[in-house]
Protein backbone atom coordinates (compact mmCIF):
# COMPACT_ATOMS: atom_id res chain seq x y z
CA MET A 1 0.05 -0.11 0.01
CA LEU A 2 2.66 2.42 0.74
CA GLU A 3 4.31 2.05 -2.59
CA ASP A 4 0.95 3.30 -3.99
CA VAL A 5 0.71 6.28 -1.50
CA ALA A 6 4.33 7.18 -2.20
CA GLN A 7 3.40 7.49 -6.06
CA ARG A 8 0.19 9.45 -5.33
CA PHE A 9 2.07 11.57 -2.86
CA LYS A 10 4.27 12.95 -5.62
CA ASN A 11 1.11 14.03 -7.61
CA LEU A 12 -0.48 15.80 -4.65
CA GLN A 13 -0.19 19.82 -4.27
CA ASP A 14 -0.32 21.85 -1.08
CA TYR A 15 -4.11 22.59 -1.63
CA ASP A 16 -4.68 18.74 -1.83
CA PHE A 17 -3.04 18.53 1.60
CA ARG A 18 -5.04 21.51 3.04
CA VAL A 19 -8.06 19.59 1.99
CA ILE A 20 -7.02 16.24 3.25
CA GLY A 21 -6.05 17.69 6.73
CA ALA A 22 -9.45 19.92 6.92
CA VAL A 23 -11.30 16.36 6.45
CA GLU A 24 -8.98 15.06 9.27
CA VAL A 25 -9.95 18.10 11.19
CA GLY A 26 -13.41 17.31 10.72
CA MET A 27 -13.28 14.06 11.89
CA ARG A 28 -12.60 15.18 15.39
CA TYR A 29 -16.54 16.12 15.22
CA PHE A 30 -18.03 13.91 12.63
CA GLU A 31 -17.76 10.49 11.61
CA TRP A 32 -18.67 11.60 7.97
CA VAL A 33 -17.35 15.31 7.70
CA PRO A 34 -20.06 17.15 5.94
CA VAL A 35 -18.98 18.32 2.57
CA ASP A 36 -20.11 22.05 3.60
CA GLU A 37 -18.03 21.96 6.62
CA ILE A 38 -14.68 21.57 4.61
CA PRO A 39 -14.24 25.00 3.23
CA LYS A 40 -14.30 26.42 6.67
CA TYR A 41 -11.63 23.86 7.96
CA SER A 42 -9.30 24.42 4.95
CA ARG A 43 -9.86 28.28 4.47
CA LEU A 44 -10.46 27.91 0.84
CA PRO A 45 -13.37 28.69 -1.38
CA LYS A 46 -16.11 25.66 -1.96
CA ASP A 47 -15.02 25.52 -5.86
CA GLU A 48 -11.46 24.46 -4.97
CA VAL A 49 -12.48 22.35 -2.29
CA ASP A 50 -14.86 20.33 -4.60
CA TYR A 51 -11.74 20.15 -7.19
CA ARG A 52 -9.51 18.85 -4.50
CA LEU A 53 -12.08 16.46 -2.95
CA LYS A 54 -12.26 14.84 -6.46
CA ARG A 55 -8.49 14.62 -6.72
CA ALA A 56 -8.39 12.82 -3.32
CA SER A 57 -11.06 10.44 -4.11
CA LYS A 58 -9.41 9.59 -7.42
CA PHE A 59 -5.86 9.03 -5.28
CA LYS A 60 -8.09 7.12 -2.84
CA MET A 61 -7.21 9.20 0.18
CA VAL A 62 -10.79 9.85 1.10
CA GLN A 63 -14.14 8.10 1.02
CA ARG A 64 -17.42 9.78 0.15
CA LYS A 65 -21.05 8.80 1.55
CA SER A 66 -24.25 10.53 0.33
CA VAL A 67 -27.23 9.35 2.73
CA HIS A 68 -28.80 12.57 4.53
CA TYR A 69 -25.85 14.62 3.50
CA THR A 70 -22.63 14.27 1.37
CA GLY A 71 -19.88 13.37 3.62
CA PHE A 72 -16.13 12.48 3.69
CA LYS A 73 -13.64 10.61 5.62
CA LEU A 74 -10.05 9.80 5.35
CA THR A 75 -8.94 6.33 4.70
CA PHE A 76 -5.46 4.89 5.55
CA ALA A 77 -3.98 6.16 2.36
CA GLY A 78 -5.21 9.60 2.94
CA TYR A 79 -3.85 9.40 6.69
CA ASP A 80 -0.48 7.90 5.58
CA ALA A 81 -0.03 10.89 3.03
CA LEU A 82 -0.58 13.45 5.82
CA ALA A 83 1.96 11.89 8.32
CA LEU A 84 4.41 11.42 5.43
CA ASN A 85 4.15 15.09 4.23
CA THR A 86 4.77 16.00 8.00
CA LEU A 87 7.70 13.76 8.48
CA VAL A 88 9.23 15.24 4.99
CA LYS A 89 8.39 18.87 6.14
CA ARG A 90 10.24 18.25 9.45
CA ASN A 91 13.40 16.65 7.55
CA VAL A 92 12.88 13.43 9.73
CA ILE A 93 12.80 11.28 6.43
CA SER A 94 13.95 12.14 3.03
CA SER A 95 12.92 8.85 0.97
CA LEU A 96 10.83 5.74 1.46
CA GLY A 97 12.35 2.31 0.53
CA SER A 98 10.76 -1.20 0.21
CA ARG A 99 8.66 -2.90 2.76
CA ILE A 100 10.57 -4.92 5.24
CA GLY A 101 7.92 -6.29 7.62
CA VAL A 102 4.33 -6.94 8.37
CA GLY A 103 3.03 -6.95 11.94
CA LYS A 104 -0.30 -8.25 13.30
CA GLU A 105 -1.55 -4.55 12.84
CA SER A 106 1.24 -2.51 11.17
CA ASP A 107 3.47 -2.03 8.04
CA ILE A 108 7.39 -1.47 8.28
CA TYR A 109 9.16 0.21 5.54
CA GLU A 110 12.76 1.39 5.22
CA ALA A 111 13.54 4.77 4.93
CA LYS A 112 16.67 7.15 4.59
CA LYS A 113 17.38 10.59 6.29
CA ASP A 114 20.60 12.26 5.17
CA GLY A 115 21.91 8.94 3.66
CA LYS A 116 21.18 7.08 6.66
CA GLY A 117 18.85 3.98 6.95
CA ALA A 118 15.67 4.19 9.10
CA VAL A 119 12.62 2.38 9.80
CA VAL A 120 9.05 3.59 9.19
CA LYS A 121 6.14 1.90 11.20
CA LEU A 122 2.76 2.54 10.20
CA HIS A 123 0.18 1.51 12.89
CA ARG A 124 -3.12 -0.08 11.17
CA GLU A 125 -5.00 -0.96 14.51
CA GLY A 126 -8.52 -2.56 13.61
CA THR A 127 -7.55 -3.82 10.12
CA THR A 128 -6.71 -7.46 11.46
CA PHE A 129 -8.62 -8.01 14.67
CA LYS A 130 -12.01 -6.26 14.84
CA HIS A 131 -12.04 -7.18 18.49
CA VAL A 132 -8.98 -5.18 19.09
CA LYS A 133 -10.66 -2.32 21.47
CA ARG A 134 -11.35 -4.79 24.24
CA GLN A 135 -7.42 -5.37 24.32
CA ARG A 136 -5.80 -1.98 24.15
CA ALA A 137 -4.91 0.03 27.12
CA HIS A 138 -5.09 3.29 25.05
CA LEU A 139 -8.56 2.65 24.11
CA SER A 140 -10.22 1.74 27.33
CA GLY A 141 -12.79 4.27 28.65
CA ARG A 142 -13.36 5.40 24.85
CA GLY A 143 -16.97 5.44 23.02
CA HIS A 144 -17.01 6.37 19.46
CA TYR A 145 -13.56 6.14 18.13
CA SER A 146 -11.95 5.42 14.34
CA TRP A 147 -9.44 3.15 13.50
CA LEU A 148 -7.30 6.07 12.38
CA LEU A 149 -7.59 7.43 16.05
CA ALA A 150 -6.90 3.98 17.60
CA SER A 151 -3.87 3.68 15.20
CA LYS A 152 -2.88 7.29 16.23
CA LEU A 153 -2.89 6.40 20.04
CA ALA A 154 -0.77 3.20 19.35
CA ALA A 155 1.79 5.32 17.67
CA GLU A 156 2.05 7.70 20.46
CA ARG A 157 2.09 4.86 23.06
CA GLU A 158 5.01 3.23 21.29
CA PHE A 159 6.96 6.27 20.64
CA ARG A 160 6.54 7.30 24.47
CA ALA A 161 7.83 3.71 25.60
CA LEU A 162 10.92 3.77 23.15
CA ASN A 163 11.58 7.32 24.71
CA GLU A 164 11.57 5.83 28.27
CA LEU A 165 13.43 2.84 27.43
CA TYR A 166 16.05 3.78 24.91
CA PRO A 167 19.06 3.47 25.43
CA THR A 168 18.97 1.55 28.75
CA VAL A 169 16.88 -1.03 27.01
CA SER A 170 18.00 -2.46 23.86
CA VAL A 171 15.20 -1.09 21.63
CA PRO A 172 14.93 0.86 18.50
CA GLU A 173 16.14 4.27 18.64
CA PRO A 174 12.85 6.77 18.46
CA LEU A 175 13.42 9.59 16.08
CA ASP A 176 9.91 11.05 15.49
CA TYR A 177 6.40 10.21 14.95
CA SER A 178 3.25 11.85 13.47
CA ARG A 179 -0.14 10.69 13.53
CA HIS A 180 -0.20 6.85 13.42
CA VAL A 181 3.48 6.55 12.01
CA VAL A 182 6.58 6.04 14.17
CA VAL A 183 10.11 6.73 12.67
CA MET A 184 12.81 4.72 14.42
CA GLY A 185 16.42 4.05 13.89
CA LEU A 186 17.34 0.88 11.75
CA VAL A 187 17.82 -2.29 13.84
CA ASN A 188 20.60 -4.66 12.44
CA GLY A 189 19.25 -7.90 13.15
CA THR A 190 17.07 -10.98 12.01
CA ASP A 191 13.61 -11.90 13.55
CA LEU A 192 14.06 -14.78 16.22
CA VAL A 193 11.81 -17.13 14.42
CA LYS A 194 13.74 -16.86 11.01
CA VAL A 195 17.22 -18.00 12.53
CA GLU A 196 18.81 -20.97 14.06
CA LEU A 197 20.70 -20.37 17.07
CA GLU A 198 24.14 -21.88 17.91
CA ASP A 199 23.79 -21.06 21.47
CA PRO A 200 20.15 -20.55 22.41
CA ASP A 201 20.82 -20.48 25.99
CA TYR A 202 23.02 -17.51 25.70
CA PHE A 203 20.32 -15.65 23.62
CA LEU A 204 17.55 -16.89 26.00
CA ASP A 205 19.55 -14.92 28.72
CA LEU A 206 20.05 -11.83 26.59
CA ILE A 207 16.34 -11.71 26.19
CA PHE A 208 15.56 -11.95 29.91
CA ILE A 209 18.10 -9.45 30.76
CA GLN A 210 16.24 -6.97 28.57
CA ILE A 211 12.84 -7.61 30.07
CA LYS A 212 14.33 -7.25 33.32
CA SER A 213 15.86 -3.71 32.46
CA ALA A 214 12.70 -2.76 30.96
CA TYR A 215 10.97 -3.79 34.32
CA GLU A 216 13.46 -1.56 36.22
CA GLN A 217 12.42 1.16 33.98
CA LYS A 218 8.80 0.46 35.29
CA ILE A 219 7.73 -1.07 32.08
CA VAL A 220 6.06 -4.56 31.07
CA HIS A 221 5.94 -5.16 27.35
CA SER A 222 2.56 -7.33 27.59
CA ASP A 223 2.64 -8.49 24.14
CA LEU A 224 6.10 -10.41 23.96
CA SER A 225 6.57 -13.41 21.78
CA GLU A 226 9.25 -14.68 19.37
CA TYR A 227 8.04 -12.48 16.95
CA ASN A 228 9.07 -9.28 18.26
CA VAL A 229 12.48 -10.22 19.13
CA MET A 230 15.32 -9.49 16.92
CA VAL A 231 18.90 -11.19 17.14
CA THR A 232 22.31 -10.49 15.34
CA ALA A 233 25.07 -13.21 14.57
CA ASP A 234 27.35 -11.17 17.06
CA GLY A 235 25.26 -11.96 19.75
CA THR A 236 22.91 -9.05 20.40
CA VAL A 237 19.02 -8.87 20.88
CA THR A 238 16.45 -6.11 20.44
CA ILE A 239 12.92 -5.99 21.68
CA ILE A 240 10.40 -4.41 19.40
CA ASP A 241 6.71 -3.52 19.00
CA TRP A 242 5.98 -1.42 22.33
CA PRO A 243 2.59 -0.17 21.71
CA GLN A 244 0.73 -2.45 24.42
CA TYR A 245 3.26 -1.84 27.18
CA VAL A 246 1.96 -1.11 30.63
CA TYR A 247 3.92 0.31 33.78
CA VAL A 248 4.41 -2.24 36.76
CA THR A 249 1.84 -0.27 38.87
CA HIS A 250 -0.83 -1.45 36.27
CA PRO A 251 -3.34 -4.08 38.17
CA ASN A 252 -2.58 -6.57 35.62
CA SER A 253 1.07 -6.16 35.06
CA GLU A 254 2.19 -9.20 36.97
CA GLU A 255 -0.05 -11.29 34.82
CA LEU A 256 1.14 -9.91 31.81
CA LEU A 257 4.85 -9.96 32.69
CA LYS A 258 4.40 -13.79 33.45
CA ARG A 259 2.53 -14.19 29.91
CA ASP A 260 5.51 -12.45 28.16
CA VAL A 261 8.02 -14.92 30.14
CA ASN A 262 5.72 -18.17 29.15
CA ASN A 263 5.58 -17.18 25.87
CA ILE A 264 9.39 -16.83 25.29
CA LEU A 265 10.04 -19.94 27.37
CA SER A 266 7.31 -22.08 25.26
CA TYR A 267 9.51 -20.94 22.12
CA PHE A 268 12.75 -21.99 23.46
CA ARG A 269 11.33 -25.10 24.74
CA ARG A 270 9.45 -25.86 21.50
CA LYS A 271 12.52 -24.87 19.15
CA PHE A 272 15.60 -26.02 21.23
CA GLY A 273 14.42 -28.10 23.98
CA ILE A 274 15.46 -25.74 26.86
CA LYS A 275 13.41 -25.74 29.95
CA ARG A 276 13.25 -23.23 32.61
CA SER A 277 11.07 -22.54 35.46
CA VAL A 278 8.77 -19.32 34.98
CA GLU A 279 8.79 -18.82 38.67
CA ASN A 280 12.47 -18.68 38.49
CA VAL A 281 12.80 -16.18 35.73
CA LEU A 282 10.03 -14.06 37.33
CA SER A 283 12.03 -13.90 40.62
CA TYR A 284 15.26 -12.84 38.46
CA ILE A 285 13.29 -10.11 36.46
CA THR A 286 11.58 -8.86 39.63
CA THR A 287 14.21 -8.93 42.27
CA THR A 288 16.26 -5.82 42.82
CA TYR A 289 19.75 -5.76 44.41
């Protein structure tokens, strides 16, 4: 999807972004933004707005609905364009590369800034699991919300977690974020599930060291598994995907920590035949010296 957005992005003009941004503003108050409200939010004449809405529809940046009134709302493509435009203007990224990963509810792409590598992660909550609201701390207590808002909140949480953890814990370096998009430093490594480890005990120890370091920063990952651990041949690990983190003061933090530990232990038991006690590992993580 992002390759298509990047191509359309080149065809968009300043007034296109003004109108798409106006639809975004209107979505704070309407599920479908009335077409008559968009000139007010964009500060553009109605005929200009109508022309730009036709272009935005052509590029699949907005959806149109006519029942009792004609209204518009952003698509993920439109949200992508707004976020990327902001990040380019901030000089956070200068170019986009190929997709390098797909999470449960995210797309990950290579990017560059001043010739250096970076990672662009686009949160897409609700596109895979429609029961997501029941499981996300950042959505609790909210009534009406859109998947765009849910994705924005997830990005904000992940960026906040990375800022609190980096560099004490081995996590990607947080560079910036806009809306539902987080930009991070490039991590050299391979997904744990894709490698054969010569010394799995060593890497298992490293993973628990990072979990303990995060716990000492008062944070529990709460969605940890073999799918969000990256390893390198020279013996390092990086823990990724932090939007569901909780603080140790959370009423369910102990249960979530135990689940994280059990997920990792179960994988190493299945894949490498390593058996360790969950209780012993939890004691190591939570004991301060």
